[in-house]
Protein backbone atom coordinates (compact mmCIF):
# COMPACT_ATOMS: atom_id res chain seq x y z
CA MET A 1 39.70 -33.70 -10.35
CA THR A 2 38.15 -30.74 -8.58
CA GLU A 3 39.53 -27.23 -8.86
CA LYS A 4 41.11 -27.79 -5.43
CA GLY A 5 42.59 -31.13 -6.53
CA TYR A 6 40.51 -33.38 -4.25
CA ALA A 7 39.32 -36.28 -6.40
CA ARG A 8 40.65 -39.63 -7.46
CA LEU A 9 38.39 -41.73 -9.68
CA ILE A 10 37.76 -45.34 -8.72
CA GLN A 11 37.94 -46.61 -12.28
CA ALA A 12 38.67 -45.26 -15.71
CA SER A 13 35.52 -43.65 -17.00
CA PRO A 14 34.43 -41.18 -19.65
CA THR A 15 34.33 -38.13 -17.37
CA GLN A 16 33.98 -34.74 -18.97
CA VAL A 17 35.06 -31.23 -18.00
CA ASP A 18 31.60 -30.09 -16.81
CA ASP A 19 30.82 -33.23 -14.76
CA GLU A 20 30.07 -32.55 -11.09
CA ILE A 21 30.94 -34.34 -7.86
CA TRP A 22 27.90 -34.89 -5.64
CA ILE A 23 27.35 -36.18 -2.13
CA LEU A 24 24.16 -38.26 -2.38
CA PHE A 25 22.19 -39.13 0.75
CA GLY A 26 22.21 -42.91 1.14
CA CYS A 27 25.34 -43.50 -0.98
CA SER A 28 28.48 -44.78 0.70
CA MET A 29 30.78 -42.58 -1.40
CA PRO A 30 30.64 -39.42 -3.52
CA ALA A 31 29.58 -39.73 -7.16
CA VAL A 32 30.38 -38.01 -10.43
CA LEU A 33 27.14 -36.89 -12.11
CA ARG A 34 26.54 -35.32 -15.51
CA GLN A 35 23.65 -32.97 -16.18
CA GLU A 36 21.66 -33.87 -19.28
CA GLY A 37 18.79 -31.48 -19.82
CA ASP A 38 16.50 -31.48 -16.78
CA HIS A 39 18.09 -34.52 -15.10
CA TYR A 40 21.44 -36.01 -14.11
CA VAL A 41 23.09 -39.32 -15.01
CA PHE A 42 25.47 -41.30 -12.82
CA VAL A 43 28.98 -41.45 -14.31
CA THR A 44 31.18 -43.11 -11.66
CA PRO A 45 31.85 -43.30 -7.93
CA VAL A 46 34.77 -41.21 -6.74
CA SER A 47 37.22 -41.46 -3.85
CA MET A 48 37.76 -38.18 -2.01
CA GLY A 49 39.74 -37.77 1.18
CA GLY A 50 37.57 -36.27 3.92
CA PHE A 51 34.32 -37.35 2.25
CA MET A 52 34.42 -41.16 2.44
CA LYS A 53 33.08 -41.77 5.95
CA GLY A 54 30.15 -39.39 6.06
CA GLU A 55 32.17 -36.29 6.94
CA ALA A 56 30.31 -34.24 4.32
CA VAL A 57 26.95 -34.78 6.00
CA GLU A 58 27.89 -35.02 9.70
CA GLU A 59 26.28 -31.69 10.58
CA ILE A 60 23.17 -32.14 8.43
CA SER A 61 20.00 -33.18 10.22
CA ASN A 62 17.25 -35.37 8.79
CA ASP A 63 14.88 -32.42 8.36
CA VAL A 64 16.79 -30.66 5.58
CA LYS A 65 14.99 -29.21 2.59
CA ASP A 66 15.88 -27.93 -0.86
CA GLY A 67 17.93 -24.77 -0.72
CA ASP A 68 19.37 -25.28 2.77
CA GLN A 69 23.01 -24.14 2.84
CA PHE A 70 25.87 -25.84 4.66
CA GLY A 71 29.00 -23.78 4.10
CA GLU A 72 29.68 -23.86 0.37
CA TYR A 73 27.23 -26.74 -0.15
CA GLU A 74 23.52 -26.62 -0.95
CA VAL A 75 20.89 -29.32 -0.47
CA ARG A 76 19.06 -30.06 -3.73
CA THR A 77 16.59 -32.67 -4.93
CA ILE A 78 17.47 -33.86 -8.42
CA GLU A 79 16.21 -36.42 -10.92
CA LEU A 80 18.85 -39.11 -11.41
CA HIS A 81 18.80 -41.53 -14.36
């Protein structure tokens, strides 16, 4: 659950307090990721109202780069295991 109370997990999973919800380009739904050292691991998909049909990336063009800001969100390239 986010601080604003947005999330509902798809399945029971071992989520932890510091896990993060990410919008990943090419994924059909948001994901819970956990940072482990210099990379992230996928924990579980997550259902979030207002983020399930591409709403989070509607205003983002294909020529985005690391560091671009969109409101409170930032585009980042990460290593995912």
